N, C-alpha and C. Protein backbone atom coordinates (compact mmCIF):
# COMPACT_ATOMS: atom_id res chain seq x y z
N MET A 1 18.42 -2.28 -0.77
CA MET A 1 17.15 -3.12 -0.27
C MET A 1 16.60 -1.55 0.29
N ALA A 2 15.40 -1.51 -0.03
CA ALA A 2 14.35 -0.51 0.00
C ALA A 2 13.55 -0.88 1.25
N HIS A 3 12.92 0.06 2.30
CA HIS A 3 12.00 -0.27 2.88
C HIS A 3 10.46 0.33 2.44
N VAL A 4 9.37 -0.84 2.22
CA VAL A 4 8.45 -0.73 1.53
C VAL A 4 7.20 -0.91 2.96
N LEU A 5 6.34 0.04 3.05
CA LEU A 5 5.30 -0.06 3.94
C LEU A 5 4.04 -0.60 3.05
N THR A 6 3.31 -1.37 3.43
CA THR A 6 2.24 -2.15 2.96
C THR A 6 1.11 -1.70 3.97
N LEU A 7 0.01 -0.74 3.43
CA LEU A 7 -0.72 -0.06 4.42
C LEU A 7 -2.44 -0.37 4.04
N ALA A 8 -2.95 -1.27 5.01
CA ALA A 8 -3.99 -1.66 4.93
C ALA A 8 -5.22 -0.78 5.46
N GLY A 9 -6.14 -0.58 4.46
CA GLY A 9 -6.97 0.39 4.88
C GLY A 9 -8.72 -0.33 4.84
N SER A 10 -8.59 -1.60 5.35
CA SER A 10 -9.74 -2.39 5.61
C SER A 10 -10.64 -2.29 6.96
N PRO A 11 -11.54 -2.24 6.98
CA PRO A 11 -12.08 -2.64 8.63
C PRO A 11 -12.33 -3.82 8.92
N ALA A 12 -12.29 -5.25 7.96
CA ALA A 12 -12.81 -6.25 8.14
C ALA A 12 -11.58 -7.20 8.47
N ARG A 13 -11.77 -8.10 9.16
CA ARG A 13 -10.96 -9.01 9.55
C ARG A 13 -11.52 -10.76 9.43
N PRO A 14 -11.24 -11.16 8.57
CA PRO A 14 -10.30 -11.16 7.68
C PRO A 14 -10.54 -10.43 6.42
N SER A 15 -9.50 -9.83 5.44
CA SER A 15 -9.72 -8.97 4.69
C SER A 15 -9.03 -9.47 3.21
N ARG A 16 -9.48 -9.53 2.21
CA ARG A 16 -9.12 -9.83 0.64
C ARG A 16 -8.37 -8.94 0.80
N THR A 17 -8.54 -7.76 1.13
CA THR A 17 -7.15 -6.43 0.80
C THR A 17 -6.31 -6.56 1.44
N GLU A 18 -6.23 -7.08 2.53
CA GLU A 18 -5.18 -7.23 3.25
C GLU A 18 -4.30 -8.53 2.69
N GLN A 19 -4.77 -9.55 2.44
CA GLN A 19 -3.90 -10.45 2.08
C GLN A 19 -3.41 -9.96 0.82
N LEU A 20 -4.20 -9.59 -0.22
CA LEU A 20 -3.51 -9.03 -1.35
C LEU A 20 -2.45 -8.33 -1.12
N LEU A 21 -2.28 -7.54 -0.24
CA LEU A 21 -1.11 -6.29 0.13
C LEU A 21 0.13 -7.56 0.95
N HIS A 22 -0.33 -8.70 1.54
CA HIS A 22 0.64 -9.53 2.09
C HIS A 22 1.52 -10.02 0.81
N HIS A 23 0.44 -10.44 -0.12
CA HIS A 23 1.08 -10.99 -1.29
C HIS A 23 1.76 -10.10 -2.38
N VAL A 24 1.23 -8.93 -1.97
CA VAL A 24 2.24 -8.04 -2.85
C VAL A 24 3.64 -7.56 -1.97
N GLY A 25 3.64 -7.71 -0.98
CA GLY A 25 4.77 -7.56 0.04
C GLY A 25 5.64 -8.96 0.05
N HIS A 26 4.82 -9.83 -0.13
CA HIS A 26 6.16 -11.22 -0.43
C HIS A 26 6.76 -11.30 -1.79
N ARG A 27 6.21 -10.71 -2.61
CA ARG A 27 6.77 -10.73 -3.90
C ARG A 27 7.92 -9.54 -4.01
N LEU A 28 7.55 -8.50 -3.45
CA LEU A 28 8.56 -7.59 -3.18
C LEU A 28 10.05 -8.02 -2.17
N SER A 29 9.54 -8.73 -1.42
CA SER A 29 10.75 -8.96 -0.19
C SER A 29 11.52 -10.42 -1.12
N ARG A 30 10.78 -11.11 -2.05
CA ARG A 30 11.39 -12.00 -3.01
C ARG A 30 12.09 -11.61 -4.21
N GLY A 31 12.12 -10.18 -4.32
CA GLY A 31 12.74 -9.78 -5.61
C GLY A 31 11.95 -9.86 -6.48
N GLN A 32 10.70 -10.25 -6.43
CA GLN A 32 10.14 -10.17 -8.03
C GLN A 32 9.40 -9.12 -8.01
N GLY A 33 10.23 -8.39 -8.93
CA GLY A 33 9.37 -7.21 -9.50
C GLY A 33 8.39 -7.19 -10.37
N ASN A 34 8.62 -8.32 -11.39
CA ASN A 34 7.61 -8.61 -12.25
C ASN A 34 7.33 -10.31 -12.58
N GLU A 35 7.16 -10.56 -13.31
CA GLU A 35 7.17 -11.81 -14.11
C GLU A 35 8.37 -12.38 -14.24
N ALA A 36 9.39 -11.72 -14.79
CA ALA A 36 10.76 -12.02 -14.67
C ALA A 36 11.63 -11.87 -14.02
N GLY A 37 11.22 -11.89 -12.28
CA GLY A 37 11.78 -11.65 -11.07
C GLY A 37 12.57 -10.90 -10.99
N HIS A 38 12.78 -9.64 -11.77
CA HIS A 38 13.85 -9.02 -11.67
C HIS A 38 13.79 -8.09 -10.42
N GLY A 39 14.95 -7.31 -9.97
CA GLY A 39 14.67 -6.46 -8.68
C GLY A 39 15.79 -7.17 -7.50
N THR A 40 15.96 -6.00 -6.36
CA THR A 40 16.29 -6.67 -5.29
C THR A 40 15.27 -6.86 -4.32
N GLY A 41 15.43 -7.86 -3.35
CA GLY A 41 14.48 -7.99 -2.45
C GLY A 41 14.55 -7.12 -1.72
N HIS A 42 13.12 -6.33 -1.42
CA HIS A 42 12.61 -5.41 -0.25
C HIS A 42 12.64 -5.64 0.89
N ARG A 43 13.03 -4.89 1.97
CA ARG A 43 12.18 -5.06 3.36
C ARG A 43 10.92 -4.36 3.79
N ILE A 44 9.85 -5.23 4.19
CA ILE A 44 8.29 -4.81 3.98
C ILE A 44 8.00 -4.77 5.69
N ARG A 45 7.13 -3.99 5.66
CA ARG A 45 6.45 -3.78 7.09
C ARG A 45 5.15 -3.52 6.66
N HIS A 46 4.19 -3.94 7.63
CA HIS A 46 2.64 -3.77 7.38
C HIS A 46 1.90 -2.79 8.47
N LEU A 47 1.09 -2.34 8.05
CA LEU A 47 0.32 -1.37 9.29
C LEU A 47 -0.98 -1.36 8.67
N ALA A 48 -2.04 -2.31 9.48
CA ALA A 48 -3.46 -2.33 9.14
C ALA A 48 -4.02 -1.21 10.01
N VAL A 49 -4.63 -0.19 9.42
CA VAL A 49 -5.27 0.84 10.05
C VAL A 49 -6.47 0.55 11.49
N ARG A 50 -6.91 -0.48 11.18
CA ARG A 50 -8.01 -0.97 11.95
C ARG A 50 -7.32 -1.36 13.55
N ASP A 51 -6.12 -1.43 13.56
CA ASP A 51 -5.42 -1.92 14.72
C ASP A 51 -5.09 -0.79 15.66
N LEU A 52 -5.25 0.44 15.03
CA LEU A 52 -4.92 1.74 15.62
C LEU A 52 -5.99 2.10 16.60
N PRO A 53 -5.79 2.68 17.86
CA PRO A 53 -6.95 2.76 18.73
C PRO A 53 -7.85 4.12 17.78
N ALA A 54 -8.88 3.58 18.20
CA ALA A 54 -10.17 4.44 17.26
C ALA A 54 -10.26 6.00 17.94
N GLU A 55 -10.42 5.65 18.87
CA GLU A 55 -10.69 7.17 19.52
C GLU A 55 -9.63 8.24 19.18
N ALA A 56 -8.28 7.63 19.51
CA ALA A 56 -7.13 8.57 19.35
C ALA A 56 -7.01 8.68 17.90
N LEU A 57 -7.51 7.89 16.77
CA LEU A 57 -7.54 8.12 15.08
C LEU A 57 -8.66 9.23 15.14
N LEU A 58 -9.72 8.87 15.42
CA LEU A 58 -10.86 9.85 15.17
C LEU A 58 -10.31 11.24 15.65
N ALA A 59 -9.93 11.62 16.79
CA ALA A 59 -9.57 12.91 17.24
C ALA A 59 -8.32 13.41 16.73
N ALA A 60 -7.78 12.57 15.49
CA ALA A 60 -6.42 13.20 15.39
C ALA A 60 -5.19 13.28 16.40
N ASP A 61 -5.06 12.42 17.30
CA ASP A 61 -4.34 12.84 18.42
C ASP A 61 -3.25 12.35 18.25
N HIS A 62 -2.07 13.43 17.63
CA HIS A 62 -0.85 13.01 17.16
C HIS A 62 0.24 12.91 18.32
N GLY A 63 -0.33 12.91 19.65
CA GLY A 63 0.06 12.68 20.77
C GLY A 63 0.49 11.49 21.14
N HIS A 64 -0.72 10.85 20.81
CA HIS A 64 -0.64 9.32 21.26
C HIS A 64 0.15 8.13 20.40
N PRO A 65 1.00 7.66 21.55
CA PRO A 65 2.10 7.01 21.04
C PRO A 65 1.70 5.93 19.95
N ALA A 66 0.54 5.51 19.86
CA ALA A 66 0.41 4.49 18.57
C ALA A 66 -0.02 5.47 17.07
N ILE A 67 -0.32 6.51 17.39
CA ILE A 67 -0.62 7.42 16.25
C ILE A 67 0.74 7.84 15.94
N ARG A 68 1.64 8.45 16.45
CA ARG A 68 3.27 8.72 16.43
C ARG A 68 3.78 7.67 15.35
N ARG A 69 3.64 6.41 16.36
CA ARG A 69 4.57 5.15 15.37
C ARG A 69 3.98 5.05 14.04
N ALA A 70 2.74 5.15 14.00
CA ALA A 70 2.11 4.79 12.44
C ALA A 70 2.38 6.12 11.63
N VAL A 71 2.25 7.12 12.32
CA VAL A 71 3.16 8.05 11.45
C VAL A 71 4.40 8.27 10.70
N ALA A 72 4.96 8.02 11.89
CA ALA A 72 6.58 7.44 11.43
C ALA A 72 6.70 6.73 10.85
N SER A 73 5.91 5.56 10.91
CA SER A 73 6.45 4.25 9.76
C SER A 73 6.26 4.69 8.45
N VAL A 74 5.63 5.65 7.94
CA VAL A 74 5.15 6.24 6.82
C VAL A 74 6.10 7.14 6.72
N ALA A 75 6.59 7.99 7.47
CA ALA A 75 7.87 8.85 7.29
C ALA A 75 9.01 7.83 6.65
N ASP A 76 9.29 6.89 7.58
CA ASP A 76 10.61 6.05 7.65
C ASP A 76 10.47 5.36 6.24
N ALA A 77 9.58 5.06 5.79
CA ALA A 77 9.36 4.10 4.26
C ALA A 77 9.82 4.68 2.93
N ASP A 78 10.45 4.18 2.20
CA ASP A 78 10.78 4.61 0.93
C ASP A 78 9.68 4.39 -0.07
N ALA A 79 9.06 3.54 0.23
CA ALA A 79 7.61 3.38 -0.56
C ALA A 79 6.44 2.93 -0.10
N LEU A 80 5.32 3.12 -0.31
CA LEU A 80 4.21 2.61 0.21
C LEU A 80 3.43 1.79 -0.98
N VAL A 81 2.63 0.79 -0.36
CA VAL A 81 1.64 0.12 -0.98
C VAL A 81 0.38 0.10 -0.29
N ILE A 82 -0.49 0.88 -0.86
CA ILE A 82 -1.66 1.41 -0.14
C ILE A 82 -2.92 0.99 -0.43
N GLY A 83 -3.37 -0.12 0.13
CA GLY A 83 -4.70 -1.12 -0.10
C GLY A 83 -6.32 -0.61 0.44
N SER A 84 -7.21 -0.86 -0.23
CA SER A 84 -8.35 -0.59 0.43
C SER A 84 -9.58 -1.08 -0.37
N PRO A 85 -10.61 -1.60 0.10
CA PRO A 85 -11.68 -2.19 -0.79
C PRO A 85 -12.54 -0.83 -0.91
N VAL A 86 -13.60 -0.98 -1.85
CA VAL A 86 -14.14 0.00 -2.19
C VAL A 86 -15.49 -0.26 -1.69
N TYR A 87 -15.68 1.17 -1.18
CA TYR A 87 -17.28 1.21 -0.22
C TYR A 87 -17.89 2.59 -0.80
N LYS A 88 -19.15 2.31 -1.45
CA LYS A 88 -19.77 3.53 -2.14
C LYS A 88 -19.00 4.51 -3.01
N ALA A 89 -18.61 3.55 -4.01
CA ALA A 89 -17.77 4.21 -5.00
C ALA A 89 -16.39 5.13 -4.79
N ALA A 90 -15.97 4.89 -3.58
CA ALA A 90 -14.46 5.44 -2.83
C ALA A 90 -13.94 4.50 -2.26
N TYR A 91 -12.62 4.73 -1.52
CA TYR A 91 -11.96 3.72 -0.69
C TYR A 91 -12.42 4.36 0.62
N SER A 92 -12.40 3.42 1.53
CA SER A 92 -12.70 3.18 2.98
C SER A 92 -12.48 4.49 3.62
N GLY A 93 -13.49 4.69 4.41
CA GLY A 93 -13.25 5.97 5.05
C GLY A 93 -12.65 5.68 6.27
N LEU A 94 -12.21 4.47 6.92
CA LEU A 94 -11.15 4.04 7.94
C LEU A 94 -9.76 4.81 7.40
N LEU A 95 -9.60 4.73 6.19
CA LEU A 95 -8.27 5.04 5.35
C LEU A 95 -7.78 6.36 5.20
N LYS A 96 -9.20 7.11 5.16
CA LYS A 96 -9.45 8.36 5.08
C LYS A 96 -9.34 9.17 6.26
N VAL A 97 -9.13 8.55 7.13
CA VAL A 97 -9.37 9.33 8.86
C VAL A 97 -7.52 8.94 8.84
N PHE A 98 -6.97 7.96 8.51
CA PHE A 98 -5.64 7.83 8.96
C PHE A 98 -5.05 8.66 7.84
N LEU A 99 -5.30 8.98 6.54
CA LEU A 99 -4.71 9.93 5.58
C LEU A 99 -4.61 11.22 6.32
N ASP A 100 -5.76 11.36 6.58
CA ASP A 100 -5.84 12.84 7.60
C ASP A 100 -5.12 13.32 8.27
N VAL A 101 -4.66 12.13 8.71
CA VAL A 101 -3.72 12.03 10.22
C VAL A 101 -2.54 12.63 9.73
N LEU A 102 -2.00 12.44 8.54
CA LEU A 102 -0.39 12.36 7.79
C LEU A 102 0.00 14.06 7.68
N PRO A 103 1.08 14.41 7.91
CA PRO A 103 1.45 15.48 7.29
C PRO A 103 1.43 15.97 5.90
N ARG A 104 1.01 17.20 5.51
CA ARG A 104 0.98 17.66 4.49
C ARG A 104 1.70 16.94 3.05
N THR A 105 2.88 16.68 3.40
CA THR A 105 3.61 16.27 2.69
C THR A 105 4.50 15.10 2.84
N ALA A 106 3.72 13.81 3.60
CA ALA A 106 3.81 12.99 3.94
C ALA A 106 4.76 11.97 2.65
N LEU A 107 3.83 12.24 1.66
CA LEU A 107 4.22 11.23 0.86
C LEU A 107 5.15 11.95 -0.35
N ARG A 108 5.86 12.98 -0.20
CA ARG A 108 6.75 13.46 -1.08
C ARG A 108 8.12 12.55 -1.38
N GLY A 109 8.58 12.32 -2.21
CA GLY A 109 9.67 11.66 -2.67
C GLY A 109 9.44 9.88 -2.63
N LYS A 110 8.28 9.66 -2.41
CA LYS A 110 7.96 8.14 -1.75
C LYS A 110 7.10 7.42 -3.01
N PRO A 111 7.84 6.40 -3.86
CA PRO A 111 6.68 5.72 -4.83
C PRO A 111 5.87 5.36 -4.01
N VAL A 112 4.28 5.38 -4.62
CA VAL A 112 3.59 5.09 -3.72
C VAL A 112 2.46 4.23 -4.84
N LEU A 113 2.23 2.79 -4.63
CA LEU A 113 1.50 2.18 -5.23
C LEU A 113 -0.10 1.64 -4.70
N PRO A 114 -1.27 2.36 -5.32
CA PRO A 114 -2.61 2.02 -4.75
C PRO A 114 -3.16 0.94 -5.02
N LEU A 115 -3.90 0.40 -4.48
CA LEU A 115 -4.34 -1.05 -4.96
C LEU A 115 -5.79 -0.92 -4.35
N LEU A 116 -7.07 -1.32 -4.87
CA LEU A 116 -8.68 -1.60 -4.37
C LEU A 116 -9.10 -2.81 -4.95
N THR A 117 -9.87 -3.40 -3.74
CA THR A 117 -10.55 -4.34 -4.41
C THR A 117 -11.79 -3.93 -4.16
N GLY A 118 -12.76 -4.80 -5.00
CA GLY A 118 -14.16 -4.57 -5.11
C GLY A 118 -15.25 -5.76 -5.95
N GLY A 119 -16.52 -5.65 -5.57
CA GLY A 119 -17.27 -6.53 -6.31
C GLY A 119 -17.53 -6.72 -7.66
N SER A 120 -17.20 -5.18 -8.21
CA SER A 120 -17.68 -4.84 -9.45
C SER A 120 -16.91 -3.94 -10.50
N PRO A 121 -16.72 -4.11 -11.74
CA PRO A 121 -15.74 -3.82 -12.66
C PRO A 121 -15.79 -2.34 -12.72
N ALA A 122 -17.18 -1.76 -12.21
CA ALA A 122 -17.55 -0.58 -12.22
C ALA A 122 -16.48 0.37 -11.22
N HIS A 123 -16.08 -0.41 -10.28
CA HIS A 123 -15.47 0.12 -9.02
C HIS A 123 -13.88 0.62 -9.45
N VAL A 124 -13.72 0.21 -10.32
CA VAL A 124 -12.08 0.41 -10.98
C VAL A 124 -12.01 2.40 -10.56
N LEU A 125 -13.20 2.84 -10.98
CA LEU A 125 -13.06 4.38 -11.48
C LEU A 125 -12.65 4.84 -9.77
N ALA A 126 -12.54 4.30 -9.04
CA ALA A 126 -12.52 4.82 -7.82
C ALA A 126 -10.86 5.18 -7.58
N LEU A 127 -10.23 4.21 -8.28
CA LEU A 127 -8.80 4.41 -8.05
C LEU A 127 -8.17 5.70 -8.63
N ASP A 128 -8.97 6.12 -9.85
CA ASP A 128 -8.56 7.75 -10.62
C ASP A 128 -9.22 8.38 -9.88
N TYR A 129 -10.40 8.55 -9.33
CA TYR A 129 -11.12 9.75 -9.30
C TYR A 129 -11.38 9.94 -7.46
N ALA A 130 -10.97 8.90 -6.77
CA ALA A 130 -10.79 8.83 -5.21
C ALA A 130 -9.71 8.44 -4.85
N LEU A 131 -8.76 7.61 -4.66
CA LEU A 131 -7.61 7.43 -3.88
C LEU A 131 -6.86 8.36 -4.60
N ARG A 132 -6.45 8.39 -5.94
CA ARG A 132 -5.04 8.79 -6.36
C ARG A 132 -5.12 10.19 -6.28
N PRO A 133 -5.97 11.06 -6.19
CA PRO A 133 -6.01 12.36 -6.20
C PRO A 133 -5.82 12.90 -4.60
N VAL A 134 -6.07 12.03 -3.59
CA VAL A 134 -5.83 12.21 -1.94
C VAL A 134 -4.38 11.91 -1.92
N LEU A 135 -3.91 11.18 -2.61
CA LEU A 135 -2.26 10.66 -2.30
C LEU A 135 -1.51 11.89 -2.83
N THR A 136 -1.85 12.05 -4.38
CA THR A 136 -1.17 13.51 -5.03
C THR A 136 -1.23 14.66 -3.75
N ALA A 137 -2.54 14.79 -3.16
CA ALA A 137 -2.73 15.68 -2.50
C ALA A 137 -1.68 15.99 -1.30
N LEU A 138 -1.22 14.92 -0.69
CA LEU A 138 0.13 14.22 0.21
C LEU A 138 1.19 14.54 -0.45
N GLY A 139 1.50 14.94 -0.85
CA GLY A 139 2.86 15.32 -1.67
C GLY A 139 3.30 14.26 -2.54
N GLY A 140 2.49 13.51 -3.03
CA GLY A 140 2.80 12.18 -3.77
C GLY A 140 3.09 12.69 -5.02
N ASP A 141 4.37 12.50 -5.33
CA ASP A 141 4.98 13.09 -6.72
C ASP A 141 5.17 11.99 -7.60
N THR A 142 5.13 10.63 -7.11
CA THR A 142 5.39 9.64 -7.79
C THR A 142 4.21 8.34 -7.33
N VAL A 143 3.27 8.86 -7.66
CA VAL A 143 1.88 8.10 -7.32
C VAL A 143 1.57 7.39 -8.69
N LEU A 144 2.06 5.70 -8.54
CA LEU A 144 1.61 5.03 -9.68
C LEU A 144 0.18 4.79 -10.13
N ARG A 145 -0.10 4.03 -11.33
CA ARG A 145 -0.99 3.91 -12.07
C ARG A 145 -2.14 3.09 -10.97
N GLY A 146 -1.25 2.10 -10.08
CA GLY A 146 -2.26 1.31 -9.41
C GLY A 146 -2.70 0.17 -10.13
N TRP A 147 -3.85 -0.70 -9.31
CA TRP A 147 -4.58 -1.79 -9.82
C TRP A 147 -5.67 -1.73 -9.14
N PHE A 148 -6.72 -2.50 -9.85
CA PHE A 148 -7.84 -2.91 -9.43
C PHE A 148 -7.93 -4.40 -9.43
N VAL A 149 -8.37 -5.24 -8.05
CA VAL A 149 -8.78 -6.26 -8.44
C VAL A 149 -10.22 -6.55 -7.98
N LEU A 150 -10.68 -7.62 -8.75
CA LEU A 150 -12.15 -7.84 -8.39
C LEU A 150 -12.16 -9.11 -6.95
N ASP A 151 -12.85 -8.62 -6.34
CA ASP A 151 -12.90 -9.85 -5.30
C ASP A 151 -12.86 -11.29 -5.45
N ARG A 152 -13.87 -11.40 -6.98
CA ARG A 152 -14.02 -12.92 -7.07
C ARG A 152 -12.71 -13.77 -7.69
N HIS A 153 -11.66 -12.36 -7.90
CA HIS A 153 -10.48 -13.08 -8.40
C HIS A 153 -9.15 -13.38 -7.33
N ILE A 154 -9.82 -13.36 -6.03
CA ILE A 154 -8.90 -13.46 -5.04
C ILE A 154 -9.67 -14.78 -4.41
N THR A 155 -8.73 -15.66 -4.57
CA THR A 155 -9.03 -16.96 -3.01
C THR A 155 -7.98 -16.91 -2.27
N THR A 156 -8.49 -16.48 -0.65
CA THR A 156 -7.60 -16.21 0.12
C THR A 156 -7.46 -17.57 0.79
N GLY A 157 -6.38 -17.53 1.88
CA GLY A 157 -5.93 -18.31 2.68
C GLY A 157 -6.40 -18.61 3.86
N PRO A 158 -6.44 -19.38 4.52
CA PRO A 158 -7.26 -19.59 6.00
C PRO A 158 -6.40 -18.40 7.31
N ALA A 159 -5.22 -17.62 6.90
CA ALA A 159 -4.39 -16.97 7.66
C ALA A 159 -4.49 -15.46 7.24
N PRO A 160 -4.50 -14.48 8.05
CA PRO A 160 -4.00 -13.18 7.75
C PRO A 160 -2.98 -13.18 6.57
N GLU A 161 -1.98 -13.50 7.06
CA GLU A 161 -1.16 -13.39 6.16
C GLU A 161 -0.33 -14.84 5.10
N ALA A 162 -1.56 -15.65 5.06
CA ALA A 162 -1.29 -16.66 4.09
C ALA A 162 -1.35 -16.07 2.70
N GLU A 163 -1.06 -16.84 2.10
CA GLU A 163 -0.57 -16.81 0.52
C GLU A 163 -2.04 -17.06 -0.04
N ILE A 164 -2.25 -16.11 -1.06
CA ILE A 164 -3.71 -15.94 -1.86
C ILE A 164 -3.35 -16.54 -3.28
N ARG A 165 -4.15 -17.09 -3.84
CA ARG A 165 -4.40 -17.47 -5.43
C ARG A 165 -5.17 -16.55 -5.93
N LEU A 166 -4.50 -15.61 -6.94
CA LEU A 166 -5.22 -14.61 -7.93
C LEU A 166 -5.58 -15.60 -9.28
N ALA A 167 -6.87 -15.27 -9.77
CA ALA A 167 -7.52 -15.77 -10.81
C ALA A 167 -6.26 -15.16 -12.15
N ALA A 168 -6.46 -15.78 -12.98
CA ALA A 168 -5.37 -15.81 -14.32
C ALA A 168 -5.58 -14.30 -14.82
N GLU A 169 -7.19 -13.90 -14.69
CA GLU A 169 -7.20 -12.61 -15.67
C GLU A 169 -6.61 -11.15 -14.67
N ALA A 170 -6.30 -11.49 -13.17
CA ALA A 170 -5.99 -10.63 -12.52
C ALA A 170 -4.39 -10.33 -12.38
N GLU A 171 -3.89 -11.64 -12.48
CA GLU A 171 -2.24 -12.04 -12.28
C GLU A 171 -1.47 -10.73 -13.10
N PRO A 172 -1.54 -10.63 -14.55
CA PRO A 172 -0.66 -10.09 -15.35
C PRO A 172 -0.80 -8.33 -14.72
N GLY A 173 -1.88 -7.91 -14.69
CA GLY A 173 -2.36 -6.75 -14.40
C GLY A 173 -1.33 -6.38 -12.78
N LEU A 174 -1.53 -7.14 -11.89
CA LEU A 174 -0.90 -7.22 -10.54
C LEU A 174 0.78 -7.09 -10.84
N ALA A 175 1.05 -8.12 -11.57
CA ALA A 175 2.43 -8.17 -11.91
C ALA A 175 3.16 -6.99 -12.56
N GLN A 176 2.35 -6.33 -13.13
CA GLN A 176 2.79 -4.98 -13.77
C GLN A 176 2.81 -3.87 -12.67
N ALA A 177 1.70 -3.73 -11.91
CA ALA A 177 1.56 -2.83 -11.07
C ALA A 177 2.85 -2.96 -9.99
N VAL A 178 3.39 -4.34 -9.36
CA VAL A 178 4.43 -4.46 -8.74
C VAL A 178 5.67 -4.35 -9.12
N GLY A 179 6.03 -4.42 -10.64
CA GLY A 179 6.90 -4.13 -11.41
C GLY A 179 7.19 -2.49 -11.73
N GLU A 180 6.21 -2.09 -11.55
CA GLU A 180 6.53 -0.43 -11.71
C GLU A 180 7.19 -0.06 -10.38
N LEU A 181 6.47 -0.38 -9.57
CA LEU A 181 7.01 0.16 -8.14
C LEU A 181 8.38 -0.19 -8.09
N ALA A 182 8.74 -1.48 -8.49
CA ALA A 182 10.19 -2.08 -8.08
C ALA A 182 11.20 -1.32 -9.19
N ASP A 183 10.55 -0.59 -10.36
CA ASP A 183 11.28 0.05 -11.24
C ASP A 183 11.18 1.48 -10.29
N ALA A 184 10.83 1.84 -10.14
CA ALA A 184 10.53 3.29 -9.05
C ALA A 184 11.60 3.15 -8.28
N LEU A 185 11.58 2.43 -7.66
CA LEU A 185 12.41 2.17 -6.54
C LEU A 185 14.14 2.09 -6.91
N THR A 186 13.99 1.34 -8.08
CA THR A 186 15.60 1.04 -8.75
C THR A 186 15.79 2.47 -9.63
N ALA A 187 15.11 3.23 -9.99
CA ALA A 187 15.26 4.15 -10.20
C ALA A 187 15.66 5.63 -9.26
N ARG A 188 15.08 5.58 -8.12
CA ARG A 188 15.15 6.15 -7.37
C ARG A 188 16.54 5.94 -6.30
N HIS A 189 17.36 5.15 -6.50
CA HIS A 189 18.28 4.47 -6.26
C HIS A 189 19.48 4.84 -7.33
N SER A 190 19.08 4.58 -8.33
CA SER A 190 20.07 5.30 -9.56
C SER A 190 20.22 6.74 -9.34
N ALA A 191 19.38 7.63 -8.91
CA ALA A 191 19.67 8.79 -8.81
C ALA A 191 20.23 9.21 -7.50
N GLY A 192 20.55 8.25 -6.73
CA GLY A 192 21.34 8.61 -5.56
C GLY A 192 20.88 9.10 -4.22
N ILE A 193 19.50 9.01 -4.28
CA ILE A 193 18.75 9.08 -3.16
C ILE A 193 18.69 7.75 -2.14
N PRO A 194 19.05 8.20 -0.86
CA PRO A 194 19.55 7.21 0.27
C PRO A 194 18.39 6.63 0.59
N LEU A 195 18.17 5.33 0.36
CA LEU A 195 17.23 4.45 0.94
C LEU A 195 17.00 4.29 2.41
N THR A 196 16.15 4.25 3.32
CA THR A 196 16.06 4.43 4.50
C THR A 196 16.37 3.02 5.30
N ALA A 197 15.96 1.57 4.73
CA ALA A 197 15.67 0.50 5.08
C ALA A 197 17.54 -0.15 5.55
N GLY A 198 18.31 0.58 5.38
CA GLY A 198 19.71 -0.13 5.35
C GLY A 198 20.10 1.01 6.86
N SER A 199 19.46 2.07 7.35
CA SER A 199 19.84 2.71 8.33
C SER A 199 19.23 2.33 9.70
N PRO A 200 20.11 2.57 10.86
CA PRO A 200 19.54 2.28 12.09
C PRO A 200 17.95 2.74 12.50
N ALA A 201 17.74 4.16 11.55
CA ALA A 201 16.12 4.76 12.14
C ALA A 201 15.12 3.97 11.72
N ALA A 202 15.80 2.87 10.33
CA ALA A 202 14.79 2.27 9.97
C ALA A 202 14.10 0.82 10.89
């Protein structure tokens, strides 16, 4: 069992992006690595950047307890699913501020699945030209291809962690992206790299 952190970079509440992350987390926790349902269930933790204290975040106050805990949650994770809405052809400024707080090699050795949501198919370019390069710059040597989901393909539930419904057009691509993350974790385990989720520190 691996420890997967879902990281939401949306400033909005409620948020389609955040509900999509919960959806992915539920799939991983149930061992649904892809449509075939292969893989072991993983332990999921969730972090919404908007819940961090704004002043400490903007000041990059590494001594603030909430910032320390947030940075530690990234360090403790075996893998991350990072989601953001697209604003002006890039991921959210809120997510950028948090990524700037992380150590230079924070994502080294961790499979990372980037997910973006947006209102136009043109926004898919933000995945390769905005988000993935920054994740790679943070030491991400296993930044997966990721996936972009149109807002209109997500039917949200009444609560932040409620299950969503995806349009038929969106489901195969998301299933493949989640499967790639599950496969990366399996490969990590097969290579003898210890997983943190079973340790007391996790």
